[in-house]
């Protein structure tokens, strides 16, 4: 389990999920509504959420994404509440 940086609105509750970033540079996405995908250049459509590809934007309800990066670099979690 690598350490990660959390980005989420100050007045929002902290995200409730468990994340691990594989050293391969793949990224992991979870929407908080039972959606999960691990891959590279991946697409997931979940509970009001859509994420496409490497260095992705995430738009959704209690959604997050870890962009894939070269092995050895730490990813960042982008947590959004819309």
PDB file of N, CA and C in Angstrom:
ATOM      1  N   UNK A   1       0.848  -1.182   0.000  1.00  0.00           N
ATOM      2  CA  UNK A   1       0.000   0.000   0.000  1.00  0.00           C
ATOM      3  C   UNK A   1       0.887   1.236   0.000  1.00  0.00           C
ATOM      4  N   UNK A   2       0.793   2.034  -1.042  1.00  0.00           N
ATOM      5  CA  UNK A   2       1.588   3.248  -1.122  1.00  0.00           C
ATOM      6  C   UNK A   2       0.855   4.391  -0.441  1.00  0.00           C
ATOM      7  N   UNK A   3       1.617   5.357   0.036  1.00  0.00           N
ATOM      8  CA  UNK A   3       0.987   6.559   0.562  1.00  0.00           C
ATOM      9  C   UNK A   3       0.491   7.394  -0.612  1.00  0.00           C
ATOM     10  N   UNK A   4      -0.623   8.073  -0.411  1.00  0.00           N
ATOM     11  CA  UNK A   4      -1.213   8.876  -1.471  1.00  0.00           C
ATOM     12  C   UNK A   4      -1.634  10.224  -0.910  1.00  0.00           C
ATOM     13  N   UNK A   5      -1.851  11.185  -1.786  1.00  0.00           N
ATOM     14  CA  UNK A   5      -2.310  12.510  -1.397  1.00  0.00           C
ATOM     15  C   UNK A   5      -3.798  12.617  -1.682  1.00  0.00           C
ATOM     16  N   UNK A   6      -4.551  13.063  -0.681  1.00  0.00           N
ATOM     17  CA  UNK A   6      -5.995  13.191  -0.838  1.00  0.00           C
ATOM     18  C   UNK A   6      -6.353  14.622  -1.226  1.00  0.00           C
ATOM     19  N   UNK A   7      -7.243  14.765  -2.191  1.00  0.00           N
ATOM     20  CA  UNK A   7      -7.762  16.062  -2.590  1.00  0.00           C
ATOM     21  C   UNK A   7      -9.283  15.972  -2.539  1.00  0.00           C
ATOM     22  N   UNK A   8      -9.894  16.671  -1.577  1.00  0.00           N
ATOM     23  CA  UNK A   8     -11.348  16.681  -1.533  1.00  0.00           C
ATOM     24  C   UNK A   8     -11.809  17.957  -0.843  1.00  0.00           C
ATOM     25  N   UNK A   9     -13.066  18.368  -1.083  1.00  0.00           N
ATOM     26  CA  UNK A   9     -13.562  19.620  -0.509  1.00  0.00           C
ATOM     27  C   UNK A   9     -13.433  19.623   1.011  1.00  0.00           C
ATOM     28  N   UNK A  10     -13.036  20.758   1.565  1.00  0.00           N
ATOM     29  CA  UNK A  10     -12.769  20.855   3.001  1.00  0.00           C
ATOM     30  C   UNK A  10     -13.998  20.521   3.840  1.00  0.00           C
ATOM     31  N   UNK A  11     -15.187  20.925   3.394  1.00  0.00           N
ATOM     32  CA  UNK A  11     -16.391  20.701   4.184  1.00  0.00           C
ATOM     33  C   UNK A  11     -17.081  19.380   3.856  1.00  0.00           C
ATOM     34  N   UNK A  12     -16.449  18.543   3.061  1.00  0.00           N
ATOM     35  CA  UNK A  12     -17.000  17.230   2.745  1.00  0.00           C
ATOM     36  C   UNK A  12     -16.386  16.182   3.662  1.00  0.00           C
ATOM     37  N   UNK A  13     -17.118  15.105   3.940  1.00  0.00           N
ATOM     38  CA  UNK A  13     -16.554  14.037   4.759  1.00  0.00           C
ATOM     39  C   UNK A  13     -15.421  13.345   4.015  1.00  0.00           C
ATOM     40  N   UNK A  14     -14.460  12.777   4.723  1.00  0.00           N
ATOM     41  CA  UNK A  14     -13.375  12.064   4.049  1.00  0.00           C
ATOM     42  C   UNK A  14     -13.909  10.852   3.306  1.00  0.00           C
ATOM     43  N   UNK A  15     -13.307  10.475   2.193  1.00  0.00           N
ATOM     44  CA  UNK A  15     -13.771   9.326   1.421  1.00  0.00           C
ATOM     45  C   UNK A  15     -13.632   8.033   2.214  1.00  0.00           C
ATOM     46  N   UNK A  16     -14.602   7.147   2.061  1.00  0.00           N
ATOM     47  CA  UNK A  16     -14.594   5.876   2.780  1.00  0.00           C
ATOM     48  C   UNK A  16     -14.348   4.743   1.799  1.00  0.00           C
ATOM     49  N   UNK A  17     -13.095   4.412   1.604  1.00  0.00           N
ATOM     50  CA  UNK A  17     -12.734   3.338   0.694  1.00  0.00           C
ATOM     51  C   UNK A  17     -11.301   2.929   0.956  1.00  0.00           C
ATOM     52  N   UNK A  18     -10.893   1.822   0.409  1.00  0.00           N
ATOM     53  CA  UNK A  18      -9.527   1.336   0.540  1.00  0.00           C
ATOM     54  C   UNK A  18      -8.905   1.305  -0.846  1.00  0.00           C
ATOM     55  N   UNK A  19      -7.723   1.902  -0.988  1.00  0.00           N
ATOM     56  CA  UNK A  19      -7.091   2.004  -2.297  1.00  0.00           C
ATOM     57  C   UNK A  19      -5.664   1.490  -2.266  1.00  0.00           C
ATOM     58  N   UNK A  20      -5.263   0.854  -3.330  1.00  0.00           N
ATOM     59  CA  UNK A  20      -3.873   0.454  -3.496  1.00  0.00           C
ATOM     60  C   UNK A  20      -3.461   0.753  -4.931  1.00  0.00           C
ATOM     61  N   UNK A  21      -2.295   1.337  -5.099  1.00  0.00           N
ATOM     62  CA  UNK A  21      -1.800   1.648  -6.436  1.00  0.00           C
ATOM     63  C   UNK A  21      -0.727   0.637  -6.814  1.00  0.00           C
ATOM     64  N   UNK A  22      -1.007  -0.241  -7.769  1.00  0.00           N
ATOM     65  CA  UNK A  22      -0.015  -1.229  -8.189  1.00  0.00           C
ATOM     66  C   UNK A  22       1.234  -0.549  -8.740  1.00  0.00           C
ATOM     67  N   UNK A  23       2.409  -1.111  -8.523  1.00  0.00           N
ATOM     68  CA  UNK A  23       3.646  -0.494  -8.989  1.00  0.00           C
ATOM     69  C   UNK A  23       3.796  -0.474 -10.503  1.00  0.00           C
ATOM     70  N   UNK A  24       2.896  -1.156 -11.201  1.00  0.00           N
ATOM     71  CA  UNK A  24       2.972  -1.221 -12.659  1.00  0.00           C
ATOM     72  C   UNK A  24       2.602   0.099 -13.321  1.00  0.00           C
ATOM     73  N   UNK A  25       2.043   1.038 -12.546  1.00  0.00           N
ATOM     74  CA  UNK A  25       1.603   2.294 -13.124  1.00  0.00           C
ATOM     75  C   UNK A  25       0.139   2.263 -13.528  1.00  0.00           C
ATOM     76  N   UNK A  26      -0.532   1.138 -13.302  1.00  0.00           N
ATOM     77  CA  UNK A  26      -1.966   1.084 -13.524  1.00  0.00           C
ATOM     78  C   UNK A  26      -2.652   1.986 -12.504  1.00  0.00           C
ATOM     79  N   UNK A  27      -3.888   2.361 -12.791  1.00  0.00           N
ATOM     80  CA  UNK A  27      -4.623   3.135 -11.813  1.00  0.00           C
ATOM     81  C   UNK A  27      -5.888   2.418 -11.387  1.00  0.00           C
ATOM     82  N   UNK A  28      -6.368   2.787 -10.207  1.00  0.00           N
ATOM     83  CA  UNK A  28      -7.560   2.170  -9.637  1.00  0.00           C
ATOM     84  C   UNK A  28      -8.627   3.230  -9.450  1.00  0.00           C
ATOM     85  N   UNK A  29      -9.838   2.912  -9.826  1.00  0.00           N
ATOM     86  CA  UNK A  29     -10.951   3.832  -9.667  1.00  0.00           C
ATOM     87  C   UNK A  29     -12.059   3.179  -8.875  1.00  0.00           C
ATOM     88  N   UNK A  30     -12.649   3.938  -7.957  1.00  0.00           N
ATOM     89  CA  UNK A  30     -13.823   3.469  -7.229  1.00  0.00           C
ATOM     90  C   UNK A  30     -14.768   4.641  -7.078  1.00  0.00           C
ATOM     91  N   UNK A  31     -16.050   4.409  -7.255  1.00  0.00           N
ATOM     92  CA  UNK A  31     -16.999   5.514  -7.202  1.00  0.00           C
ATOM     93  C   UNK A  31     -17.667   5.653  -5.853  1.00  0.00           C
ATOM     94  N   UNK A  32     -17.492   4.685  -4.953  1.00  0.00           N
ATOM     95  CA  UNK A  32     -18.200   4.696  -3.691  1.00  0.00           C
ATOM     96  C   UNK A  32     -19.593   4.099  -3.831  1.00  0.00           C
ATOM     97  N   UNK A  33     -19.995   3.810  -5.046  1.00  0.00           N
ATOM     98  CA  UNK A  33     -21.278   3.169  -5.306  1.00  0.00           C
ATOM     99  C   UNK A  33     -21.042   1.854  -6.033  1.00  0.00           C
ATOM    100  N   UNK A  34     -20.171   1.044  -5.476  1.00  0.00           N
ATOM    101  CA  UNK A  34     -19.929  -0.332  -5.904  1.00  0.00           C
ATOM    102  C   UNK A  34     -19.317  -0.460  -7.294  1.00  0.00           C
ATOM    103  N   UNK A  35     -18.658   0.596  -7.770  1.00  0.00           N
ATOM    104  CA  UNK A  35     -17.973   0.521  -9.065  1.00  0.00           C
ATOM    105  C   UNK A  35     -16.472   0.431  -8.842  1.00  0.00           C
ATOM    106  N   UNK A  36     -15.806  -0.451  -9.564  1.00  0.00           N
ATOM    107  CA  UNK A  36     -14.368  -0.623  -9.405  1.00  0.00           C
ATOM    108  C   UNK A  36     -13.754  -1.066 -10.719  1.00  0.00           C
ATOM    109  N   UNK A  37     -12.663  -0.428 -11.110  1.00  0.00           N
ATOM    110  CA  UNK A  37     -11.934  -0.864 -12.296  1.00  0.00           C
ATOM    111  C   UNK A  37     -10.451  -0.642 -12.064  1.00  0.00           C
ATOM    112  N   UNK A  38      -9.639  -1.582 -12.484  1.00  0.00           N
ATOM    113  CA  UNK A  38      -8.190  -1.438 -12.451  1.00  0.00           C
ATOM    114  C   UNK A  38      -7.685  -1.643 -13.866  1.00  0.00           C
ATOM    115  N   UNK A  39      -6.978  -0.660 -14.395  1.00  0.00           N
ATOM    116  CA  UNK A  39      -6.494  -0.806 -15.760  1.00  0.00           C
ATOM    117  C   UNK A  39      -5.757   0.420 -16.240  1.00  0.00           C
ATOM    118  N   UNK A  40      -5.496   0.449 -17.523  1.00  0.00           N
ATOM    119  CA  UNK A  40      -4.750   1.525 -18.163  1.00  0.00           C
ATOM    120  C   UNK A  40      -5.508   1.879 -19.437  1.00  0.00           C
ATOM    121  N   UNK A  41      -5.741   3.167 -19.650  1.00  0.00           N
ATOM    122  CA  UNK A  41      -6.612   3.596 -20.741  1.00  0.00           C
ATOM    123  C   UNK A  41      -7.960   2.898 -20.637  1.00  0.00           C
ATOM    124  N   UNK A  42      -8.552   2.998 -19.443  1.00  0.00           N
ATOM    125  CA  UNK A  42      -9.794   2.282 -19.142  1.00  0.00           C
ATOM    126  C   UNK A  42     -10.983   3.227 -19.105  1.00  0.00           C
ATOM    127  N   UNK A  43     -12.155   2.659 -19.235  1.00  0.00           N
ATOM    128  CA  UNK A  43     -13.412   3.403 -19.186  1.00  0.00           C
ATOM    129  C   UNK A  43     -14.324   2.744 -18.171  1.00  0.00           C
ATOM    130  N   UNK A  44     -14.893   3.556 -17.294  1.00  0.00           N
ATOM    131  CA  UNK A  44     -15.898   3.027 -16.375  1.00  0.00           C
ATOM    132  C   UNK A  44     -17.066   3.994 -16.320  1.00  0.00           C
ATOM    133  N   UNK A  45     -18.255   3.449 -16.361  1.00  0.00           N
ATOM    134  CA  UNK A  45     -19.469   4.238 -16.186  1.00  0.00           C
ATOM    135  C   UNK A  45     -20.191   3.652 -14.989  1.00  0.00           C
ATOM    136  N   UNK A  46     -20.258   4.436 -13.907  1.00  0.00           N
ATOM    137  CA  UNK A  46     -20.861   3.922 -12.677  1.00  0.00           C
ATOM    138  C   UNK A  46     -22.032   4.780 -12.250  1.00  0.00           C
ATOM    139  N   UNK A  47     -22.176   4.939 -10.927  1.00  0.00           N
ATOM    140  CA  UNK A  47     -23.271   5.718 -10.366  1.00  0.00           C
ATOM    141  C   UNK A  47     -22.978   7.197 -10.570  1.00  0.00           C
ATOM    142  N   UNK A  48     -23.476   7.774 -11.616  1.00  0.00           N
ATOM    143  CA  UNK A  48     -23.264   9.172 -12.002  1.00  0.00           C
ATOM    144  C   UNK A  48     -21.788   9.474 -12.180  1.00  0.00           C
ATOM    145  N   UNK A  49     -21.016   8.526 -12.661  1.00  0.00           N
ATOM    146  CA  UNK A  49     -19.579   8.771 -12.794  1.00  0.00           C
ATOM    147  C   UNK A  49     -19.065   8.259 -14.122  1.00  0.00           C
ATOM    148  N   UNK A  50     -18.078   8.967 -14.658  1.00  0.00           N
ATOM    149  CA  UNK A  50     -17.450   8.580 -15.913  1.00  0.00           C
ATOM    150  C   UNK A  50     -15.977   8.957 -15.851  1.00  0.00           C
ATOM    151  N   UNK A  51     -15.128   7.994 -16.107  1.00  0.00           N
ATOM    152  CA  UNK A  51     -13.688   8.232 -16.112  1.00  0.00           C
ATOM    153  C   UNK A  51     -13.111   7.574 -17.344  1.00  0.00           C
ATOM    154  N   UNK A  52     -12.292   8.302 -18.081  1.00  0.00           N
ATOM    155  CA  UNK A  52     -11.702   7.763 -19.301  1.00  0.00           C
ATOM    156  C   UNK A  52     -10.203   8.011 -19.286  1.00  0.00           C
ATOM    157  N   UNK A  53      -9.425   6.917 -19.307  1.00  0.00           N
ATOM    158  CA  UNK A  53      -8.021   6.978 -19.675  1.00  0.00           C
ATOM    159  C   UNK A  53      -7.016   7.378 -18.610  1.00  0.00           C
ATOM    160  N   UNK A  54      -5.789   7.507 -19.087  1.00  0.00           N
ATOM    161  CA  UNK A  54      -4.613   7.861 -18.311  1.00  0.00           C
ATOM    162  C   UNK A  54      -4.619   9.372 -18.067  1.00  0.00           C
ATOM    163  N   UNK A  55      -4.270   9.811 -16.895  1.00  0.00           N
ATOM    164  CA  UNK A  55      -4.364  11.220 -16.507  1.00  0.00           C
ATOM    165  C   UNK A  55      -5.790  11.725 -16.721  1.00  0.00           C
ATOM    166  N   UNK A  56      -6.736  11.034 -16.136  1.00  0.00           N
ATOM    167  CA  UNK A  56      -8.145  11.236 -16.453  1.00  0.00           C
ATOM    168  C   UNK A  56      -8.799  12.337 -15.634  1.00  0.00           C
ATOM    169  N   UNK A  57      -9.879  12.862 -16.181  1.00  0.00           N
ATOM    170  CA  UNK A  57     -10.806  13.694 -15.440  1.00  0.00           C
ATOM    171  C   UNK A  57     -11.882  12.793 -14.867  1.00  0.00           C
ATOM    172  N   UNK A  58     -12.399  13.172 -13.719  1.00  0.00           N
ATOM    173  CA  UNK A  58     -13.505  12.405 -13.151  1.00  0.00           C
ATOM    174  C   UNK A  58     -14.661  13.350 -12.872  1.00  0.00           C
ATOM    175  N   UNK A  59     -15.839  12.941 -13.295  1.00  0.00           N
ATOM    176  CA  UNK A  59     -17.058  13.704 -13.048  1.00  0.00           C
ATOM    177  C   UNK A  59     -18.062  12.734 -12.453  1.00  0.00           C
ATOM    178  N   UNK A  60     -18.524  13.022 -11.244  1.00  0.00           N
ATOM    179  CA  UNK A  60     -19.481  12.083 -10.681  1.00  0.00           C
ATOM    180  C   UNK A  60     -19.860  12.391  -9.254  1.00  0.00           C
ATOM    181  N   UNK A  61     -20.543  11.432  -8.651  1.00  0.00           N
ATOM    182  CA  UNK A  61     -21.073  11.530  -7.305  1.00  0.00           C
ATOM    183  C   UNK A  61     -20.202  10.697  -6.384  1.00  0.00           C
ATOM    184  N   UNK A  62     -19.474  11.330  -5.504  1.00  0.00           N
ATOM    185  CA  UNK A  62     -18.564  10.632  -4.598  1.00  0.00           C
ATOM    186  C   UNK A  62     -17.597   9.751  -5.372  1.00  0.00           C
ATOM    187  N   UNK A  63     -16.916  10.338  -6.340  1.00  0.00           N
ATOM    188  CA  UNK A  63     -16.035   9.577  -7.224  1.00  0.00           C
ATOM    189  C   UNK A  63     -14.579   9.956  -7.000  1.00  0.00           C
ATOM    190  N   UNK A  64     -13.688   9.089  -7.440  1.00  0.00           N
ATOM    191  CA  UNK A  64     -12.276   9.385  -7.340  1.00  0.00           C
ATOM    192  C   UNK A  64     -11.532   8.642  -8.423  1.00  0.00           C
ATOM    193  N   UNK A  65     -10.337   9.097  -8.721  1.00  0.00           N
ATOM    194  CA  UNK A  65      -9.501   8.419  -9.708  1.00  0.00           C
ATOM    195  C   UNK A  65      -8.042   8.576  -9.325  1.00  0.00           C
ATOM    196  N   UNK A  66      -7.268   7.528  -9.525  1.00  0.00           N
ATOM    197  CA  UNK A  66      -5.818   7.594  -9.403  1.00  0.00           C
ATOM    198  C   UNK A  66      -5.243   7.444 -10.802  1.00  0.00           C
ATOM    199  N   UNK A  67      -4.652   8.501 -11.370  1.00  0.00           N
ATOM    200  CA  UNK A  67      -4.045   8.353 -12.689  1.00  0.00           C
ATOM    201  C   UNK A  67      -2.824   7.440 -12.640  1.00  0.00           C
ATOM    202  N   UNK A  68      -2.640   6.648 -13.672  1.00  0.00           N
ATOM    203  CA  UNK A  68      -1.459   5.807 -13.761  1.00  0.00           C
ATOM    204  C   UNK A  68      -0.210   6.650 -13.972  1.00  0.00           C
ATOM    205  N   UNK A  69       0.870   6.238 -13.344  1.00  0.00           N
ATOM    206  CA  UNK A  69       2.145   6.933 -13.500  1.00  0.00           C
ATOM    207  C   UNK A  69       3.248   5.895 -13.579  1.00  0.00           C
ATOM    208  N   UNK A  70       4.425   6.289 -14.028  1.00  0.00           N
ATOM    209  CA  UNK A  70       5.529   5.335 -14.084  1.00  0.00           C
ATOM    210  C   UNK A  70       5.816   4.751 -12.708  1.00  0.00           C
ATOM    211  N   UNK A  71       6.263   3.513 -12.676  1.00  0.00           N
ATOM    212  CA  UNK A  71       6.564   2.849 -11.412  1.00  0.00           C
ATOM    213  C   UNK A  71       7.543   3.686 -10.600  1.00  0.00           C
ATOM    214  N   UNK A  72       7.294   3.765  -9.311  1.00  0.00           N
ATOM    215  CA  UNK A  72       8.174   4.519  -8.431  1.00  0.00           C
ATOM    216  C   UNK A  72       7.640   5.900  -8.090  1.00  0.00           C
ATOM    217  N   UNK A  73       6.720   6.430  -8.899  1.00  0.00           N
ATOM    218  CA  UNK A  73       6.109   7.722  -8.597  1.00  0.00           C
ATOM    219  C   UNK A  73       4.787   7.502  -7.883  1.00  0.00           C
ATOM    220  N   UNK A  74       4.490   8.366  -6.924  1.00  0.00           N
ATOM    221  CA  UNK A  74       3.248   8.223  -6.177  1.00  0.00           C
ATOM    222  C   UNK A  74       2.094   8.842  -6.950  1.00  0.00           C
ATOM    223  N   UNK A  75       0.962   8.172  -6.996  1.00  0.00           N
ATOM    224  CA  UNK A  75      -0.227   8.733  -7.640  1.00  0.00           C
ATOM    225  C   UNK A  75      -0.937   9.703  -6.693  1.00  0.00           C
ATOM    226  N   UNK A  76      -1.950  10.361  -7.190  1.00  0.00           N
ATOM    227  CA  UNK A  76      -2.766  11.246  -6.379  1.00  0.00           C
ATOM    228  C   UNK A  76      -4.222  10.837  -6.526  1.00  0.00           C
ATOM    229  N   UNK A  77      -4.950  10.938  -5.433  1.00  0.00           N
ATOM    230  CA  UNK A  77      -6.384  10.675  -5.471  1.00  0.00           C
ATOM    231  C   UNK A  77      -7.099  12.006  -5.687  1.00  0.00           C
ATOM    232  N   UNK A  78      -7.966  12.063  -6.659  1.00  0.00           N
ATOM    233  CA  UNK A  78      -8.784  13.236  -6.892  1.00  0.00           C
ATOM    234  C   UNK A  78     -10.206  12.892  -6.477  1.00  0.00           C
ATOM    235  N   UNK A  79     -10.665  13.497  -5.400  1.00  0.00           N
ATOM    236  CA  UNK A  79     -11.974  13.176  -4.844  1.00  0.00           C
ATOM    237  C   UNK A  79     -12.919  14.323  -5.146  1.00  0.00           C
ATOM    238  N   UNK A  80     -14.028  14.038  -5.789  1.00  0.00           N
ATOM    239  CA  UNK A  80     -14.974  15.082  -6.157  1.00  0.00           C
ATOM    240  C   UNK A  80     -16.362  14.752  -5.651  1.00  0.00           C
ATOM    241  N   UNK A  81     -17.081  15.772  -5.272  1.00  0.00           N
ATOM    242  CA  UNK A  81     -18.485  15.630  -4.883  1.00  0.00           C
ATOM    243  C   UNK A  81     -19.288  16.622  -5.700  1.00  0.00           C
ATOM    244  N   UNK A  82     -20.148  16.095  -6.582  1.00  0.00           N
ATOM    245  CA  UNK A  82     -20.933  16.959  -7.463  1.00  0.00           C
ATOM    246  C   UNK A  82     -22.403  16.692  -7.205  1.00  0.00           C
TER     247      UNK A  82
END
